[in-house]
Amino acid sequence: MVHSVIKQLEELKKVNPLVHNITNLVVMNNTANALLALGASPVMAHSPAEIKEVLAISQALVINIGTLSESWIQSMYHAASHARQLGCPWVLDPVGAGISVLRNETLKQLLDLQPTVIRGNASEIMALADFNQGTAKGVDSTAQSSSAIEAAVQLQLTYGSIICISGEVDYIVSPSEIVEIYNGSPMMTKVTGLGCTSSALIGAFLGLRSNVLEEAIAGVATLSLAGELAANGAVGPGSLQMRLLDILYTLDASTLQQELRIKRYARS
């Protein structure tokens, strides 16, 4: 299992995939720097007028609905639709799913365009499954990640996407198996946008266009491990955030082999 993540990271650094991000205003700088540190190239293009041109040269697309506007919603639809036509893999990050009608309607239309991967916290994944507004609190999860596994299975069956649930334990649900990642740190919840960063890194690995499940695992695992290692030497959220980029930049096979804690088993 760890060998696959090592292989994916080595390949990513060689390929340097271009990742098109339509993401939120809060995290643009953080996610762009994380992509660069890992070995990918970010582009942040939000105008509907240039979506097709940018996607034509990109290896993956990440759509993050954190800060919605009518113009950006239009760009998200155009981008997801065009990505589907091109066969370009794309990630949906359903930030704040369940908190408003606008957000839910936007997500329903994006889901119909069949994301390659969906990544969210437990509340967001459960809200996607039933759009029950009682389970979300802003963009933070009010539920344990394990409580969203059933909802993730439902989403996977409905849309065919790989579903990633972020939390104390990260879960990745595919058609055939469930993967558990035990890296991370509670301090990561005190830094805004690390879930969004995970989505961006998943997009980077999807840019390899080889094995969607293995690429999703690599994206989640590298961010969770980097966050854990950054927290180990941090005195608080500020130093964690600073250290995170350095660790992503220096992450190597030896560290992955020694520190990653992953389990996978067949879906019943």
Protein backbone atom coordinates (compact mmCIF):
# COMPACT_ATOMS: atom_id res chain seq x y z
CA MET A 1 0.00 0.00 0.00
CA VAL A 2 2.69 2.50 0.99
CA HIS A 3 4.75 1.47 -2.04
CA SER A 4 1.94 2.72 -4.29
CA VAL A 5 2.00 6.17 -2.63
CA ILE A 6 5.79 6.31 -3.03
CA LYS A 7 5.47 5.43 -6.70
CA GLN A 8 2.76 8.03 -7.26
CA LEU A 9 4.81 10.78 -5.61
CA GLU A 10 7.92 9.94 -7.60
CA GLU A 11 5.90 10.02 -10.82
CA LEU A 12 4.23 13.31 -9.90
CA LYS A 13 7.59 15.03 -9.45
CA LYS A 14 8.63 13.84 -12.91
CA VAL A 15 5.39 14.79 -14.69
CA ASN A 16 4.74 18.12 -12.90
CA PRO A 17 1.01 18.05 -13.77
CA LEU A 18 -0.85 21.31 -14.35
CA VAL A 19 -3.88 21.48 -12.05
CA HIS A 20 -6.71 23.88 -12.90
CA ASN A 21 -8.29 25.15 -9.67
CA ILE A 22 -11.63 26.92 -9.39
CA THR A 23 -11.35 27.33 -5.68
CA ASN A 24 -12.32 29.66 -2.88
CA LEU A 25 -10.86 33.02 -1.96
CA VAL A 26 -9.81 31.89 1.52
CA VAL A 27 -7.45 29.12 0.36
CA MET A 28 -6.09 30.11 -3.05
CA ASN A 29 -2.62 31.03 -1.82
CA ASN A 30 -2.33 28.03 0.51
CA THR A 31 -3.40 25.46 -2.07
CA ALA A 32 -1.26 26.96 -4.84
CA ASN A 33 1.82 26.84 -2.61
CA ALA A 34 1.06 23.28 -1.49
CA LEU A 35 0.78 22.13 -5.10
CA LEU A 36 4.09 23.77 -5.95
CA ALA A 37 5.80 22.30 -2.88
CA LEU A 38 4.61 18.80 -3.74
CA GLY A 39 5.80 19.03 -7.36
CA ALA A 40 2.71 20.03 -9.34
CA SER A 41 1.83 23.30 -11.08
CA PRO A 42 -1.30 25.28 -10.12
CA VAL A 43 -3.38 27.55 -12.30
CA MET A 44 -6.25 29.56 -10.78
CA ALA A 45 -8.59 30.53 -13.62
CA HIS A 46 -12.15 31.53 -12.75
CA SER A 47 -13.48 33.49 -15.73
CA PRO A 48 -16.00 31.62 -17.91
CA ALA A 49 -14.30 33.18 -20.93
CA GLU A 50 -11.07 31.20 -20.50
CA ILE A 51 -12.24 27.92 -18.95
CA LYS A 52 -11.98 25.83 -22.12
CA GLU A 53 -8.55 27.14 -23.04
CA VAL A 54 -7.12 26.51 -19.58
CA LEU A 55 -8.65 23.04 -19.31
CA ALA A 56 -7.21 22.10 -22.69
CA ILE A 57 -3.69 22.35 -21.29
CA SER A 58 -4.43 21.01 -17.79
CA GLN A 59 -4.05 17.45 -16.53
CA ALA A 60 -6.74 17.75 -13.81
CA LEU A 61 -9.44 20.07 -12.47
CA VAL A 62 -10.37 20.90 -8.86
CA ILE A 63 -13.70 22.60 -8.10
CA ASN A 64 -14.11 23.98 -4.58
CA ILE A 65 -17.40 25.77 -3.81
CA GLY A 66 -16.26 27.55 -0.64
CA THR A 67 -16.94 31.13 -1.78
CA LEU A 68 -19.74 31.02 -4.34
CA SER A 69 -20.80 33.75 -6.74
CA GLU A 70 -23.06 33.61 -9.78
CA SER A 71 -20.10 34.08 -12.13
CA TRP A 72 -18.05 31.39 -10.42
CA ILE A 73 -20.98 28.96 -10.42
CA GLN A 74 -21.22 29.44 -14.19
CA SER A 75 -17.48 28.76 -14.48
CA MET A 76 -17.81 25.61 -12.36
CA TYR A 77 -20.56 24.20 -14.57
CA HIS A 78 -18.65 25.02 -17.75
CA ALA A 79 -15.44 23.55 -16.37
CA ALA A 80 -16.97 20.30 -15.08
CA SER A 81 -18.94 19.81 -18.29
CA HIS A 82 -15.90 20.46 -20.49
CA ALA A 83 -13.68 18.25 -18.32
CA ARG A 84 -16.15 15.43 -18.80
CA GLN A 85 -16.04 15.93 -22.57
CA LEU A 86 -12.24 15.96 -22.59
CA GLY A 87 -11.89 12.99 -20.25
CA CYS A 88 -10.06 15.24 -17.79
CA PRO A 89 -10.30 13.93 -14.20
CA TRP A 90 -11.81 16.33 -11.70
CA VAL A 91 -12.31 16.71 -7.95
CA LEU A 92 -15.37 18.19 -6.26
CA ASP A 93 -14.87 19.75 -2.82
CA PRO A 94 -18.40 20.42 -1.46
CA VAL A 95 -17.44 23.04 1.14
CA GLY A 96 -20.37 23.81 3.43
CA ALA A 97 -22.76 21.37 1.76
CA GLY A 98 -26.17 21.60 3.38
CA ILE A 99 -25.99 25.17 4.68
CA SER A 100 -27.96 26.96 1.94
CA VAL A 101 -30.30 26.36 -0.97
CA LEU A 102 -27.85 27.99 -3.40
CA ARG A 103 -25.04 25.71 -2.29
CA ASN A 104 -27.19 22.59 -2.47
CA GLU A 105 -28.58 23.40 -5.92
CA THR A 106 -25.08 24.13 -7.22
CA LEU A 107 -23.85 20.81 -5.84
CA LYS A 108 -26.74 18.84 -7.29
CA GLN A 109 -25.91 20.10 -10.78
CA LEU A 110 -22.19 19.47 -10.32
CA LEU A 111 -22.85 15.93 -9.08
CA ASP A 112 -24.77 15.23 -12.28
CA LEU A 113 -21.52 15.88 -14.14
CA GLN A 114 -19.96 12.89 -12.33
CA PRO A 115 -16.86 14.04 -10.44
CA THR A 116 -13.95 11.64 -10.59
CA VAL A 117 -13.36 12.16 -6.86
CA ILE A 118 -15.45 13.84 -4.15
CA ARG A 119 -13.62 14.91 -0.97
CA GLY A 120 -15.27 16.43 2.08
CA ASN A 121 -15.61 16.14 5.83
CA ALA A 122 -18.23 13.85 7.36
CA SER A 123 -20.95 16.50 7.57
CA GLU A 124 -20.41 17.50 3.94
CA ILE A 125 -20.48 13.93 2.66
CA MET A 126 -23.67 13.16 4.60
CA ALA A 127 -25.25 16.40 3.39
CA LEU A 128 -24.44 15.45 -0.20
CA ALA A 129 -26.14 12.12 0.30
CA ASP A 130 -29.42 13.60 1.54
CA PHE A 131 -29.00 17.42 1.64
CA ASN A 132 -30.17 17.37 5.25
CA GLN A 133 -29.36 20.83 6.59
CA GLY A 134 -29.26 19.61 10.16
CA THR A 135 -25.83 17.96 9.89
CA ALA A 136 -23.55 20.84 8.88
CA LYS A 137 -21.91 23.63 10.88
CA GLY A 138 -20.34 26.12 8.50
CA VAL A 139 -17.49 24.31 6.78
CA ASP A 140 -16.47 22.35 9.89
CA SER A 141 -17.64 18.82 10.54
CA THR A 142 -19.92 18.06 13.46
CA ALA A 143 -19.61 14.30 12.91
CA GLN A 144 -16.92 11.64 13.12
CA SER A 145 -15.57 10.58 9.75
CA SER A 146 -16.64 6.97 10.36
CA SER A 147 -20.27 8.07 10.63
CA ALA A 148 -20.24 9.13 6.96
CA ILE A 149 -19.14 5.80 5.49
CA GLU A 150 -22.68 4.70 4.68
CA ALA A 151 -23.37 8.03 2.98
CA ALA A 152 -20.10 7.72 1.06
CA VAL A 153 -21.05 4.26 -0.17
CA GLN A 154 -24.41 5.64 -1.32
CA LEU A 155 -22.72 8.51 -3.17
CA GLN A 156 -20.23 6.14 -4.76
CA LEU A 157 -22.99 3.88 -6.04
CA THR A 158 -25.03 6.81 -7.35
CA TYR A 159 -22.34 8.81 -9.13
CA GLY A 160 -19.47 6.36 -9.64
CA SER A 161 -17.01 8.72 -7.95
CA ILE A 162 -14.27 7.80 -5.50
CA ILE A 163 -15.36 9.30 -2.16
CA CYS A 164 -12.83 10.68 0.34
CA ILE A 165 -13.90 11.53 3.90
CA SER A 166 -11.49 13.67 5.90
CA GLY A 167 -11.34 13.42 9.67
CA GLU A 168 -9.45 11.90 12.57
CA VAL A 169 -9.31 8.82 10.36
CA ASP A 170 -9.52 9.47 6.61
CA TYR A 171 -11.66 7.07 4.58
CA ILE A 172 -11.57 6.47 0.84
CA VAL A 173 -14.49 4.55 -0.65
CA SER A 174 -14.17 2.92 -4.06
CA PRO A 175 -16.44 0.45 -5.87
CA SER A 176 -14.45 -2.50 -4.53
CA GLU A 177 -12.79 -1.45 -1.27
CA ILE A 178 -12.50 0.98 1.62
CA VAL A 179 -9.15 2.49 2.58
CA GLU A 180 -8.37 3.93 6.03
CA ILE A 181 -5.55 6.43 6.65
CA TYR A 182 -4.52 7.00 10.27
CA ASN A 183 -2.16 9.95 9.84
CA GLY A 184 -2.96 13.55 10.73
CA SER A 185 -3.13 15.76 13.83
CA PRO A 186 -5.94 17.51 15.76
CA MET A 187 -4.01 20.76 15.33
CA MET A 188 -4.76 20.62 11.59
CA THR A 189 -8.35 21.64 12.37
CA LYS A 190 -7.03 24.98 13.63
CA VAL A 191 -5.58 25.94 10.22
CA THR A 192 -8.13 27.00 7.64
CA GLY A 193 -8.21 25.24 4.32
CA LEU A 194 -6.24 22.05 4.96
CA GLY A 195 -9.18 19.99 3.73
CA CYS A 196 -9.19 22.16 0.61
CA THR A 197 -5.46 21.49 0.31
CA SER A 198 -6.14 17.76 0.42
CA SER A 199 -8.57 18.17 -2.48
CA ALA A 200 -5.95 20.10 -4.45
CA LEU A 201 -3.32 17.41 -3.85
CA ILE A 202 -5.77 14.72 -4.95
CA GLY A 203 -6.14 16.75 -8.15
CA ALA A 204 -2.37 16.79 -8.59
CA PHE A 205 -2.16 13.01 -8.39
CA LEU A 206 -5.18 12.59 -10.68
CA GLY A 207 -3.11 14.49 -13.22
CA LEU A 208 -1.03 11.33 -13.62
CA ARG A 209 -4.13 9.73 -15.22
CA SER A 210 -3.20 6.19 -14.33
CA ASN A 211 -5.23 4.68 -11.45
CA VAL A 212 -7.87 6.91 -9.87
CA LEU A 213 -8.11 5.02 -6.58
CA GLU A 214 -4.35 4.90 -6.01
CA GLU A 215 -4.07 8.57 -6.94
CA ALA A 216 -6.84 9.55 -4.50
CA ILE A 217 -5.13 7.58 -1.74
CA ALA A 218 -1.83 9.32 -2.47
CA GLY A 219 -3.43 12.76 -2.33
CA VAL A 220 -5.14 12.18 1.01
CA ALA A 221 -2.18 10.34 2.52
CA THR A 222 0.48 12.92 1.64
CA LEU A 223 -1.51 15.82 3.10
CA SER A 224 -2.46 13.94 6.29
CA LEU A 225 1.11 12.77 6.87
CA ALA A 226 2.56 16.20 6.13
CA GLY A 227 0.11 17.75 8.59
CA GLU A 228 1.05 15.23 11.26
CA LEU A 229 4.78 15.78 10.81
CA ALA A 230 4.31 19.56 10.72
CA ALA A 231 2.30 19.46 13.95
CA ASN A 232 4.98 17.37 15.68
CA GLY A 233 7.43 20.25 15.48
CA ALA A 234 4.95 23.12 15.80
CA VAL A 235 4.05 25.22 18.82
CA GLY A 236 0.69 26.18 17.32
CA PRO A 237 -1.29 26.54 14.08
CA GLY A 238 0.95 29.28 12.70
CA SER A 239 4.13 27.23 12.79
CA LEU A 240 2.23 24.15 11.56
CA GLN A 241 1.17 26.06 8.47
CA MET A 242 4.72 27.23 7.81
CA ARG A 243 6.23 23.79 8.34
CA LEU A 244 3.65 22.06 6.15
CA LEU A 245 5.04 23.45 2.91
CA ASP A 246 8.60 22.47 3.82
CA ILE A 247 7.51 18.93 4.62
CA LEU A 248 5.56 18.57 1.38
CA TYR A 249 8.64 19.80 -0.46
CA THR A 250 11.00 17.33 1.24
CA LEU A 251 8.67 14.33 1.53
CA ASP A 252 10.55 11.24 0.38
CA ALA A 253 10.22 7.48 0.08
CA SER A 254 11.92 6.78 3.40
CA THR A 255 9.57 9.05 5.33
CA LEU A 256 6.50 7.64 3.60
CA GLN A 257 7.65 4.08 4.29
CA GLN A 258 8.27 4.74 7.98
CA GLU A 259 5.36 7.02 8.83
CA LEU A 260 2.30 6.21 6.68
CA ARG A 261 -0.39 4.16 8.41
CA ILE A 262 -2.85 2.77 5.87
CA LYS A 263 -5.31 -0.12 5.92
CA ARG A 264 -7.50 -1.31 3.07
CA TYR A 265 -10.17 -3.97 2.90
CA ALA A 266 -12.81 -5.19 0.47
CA ARG A 267 -16.26 -3.63 0.59
CA SER A 268 -18.87 -6.06 1.88
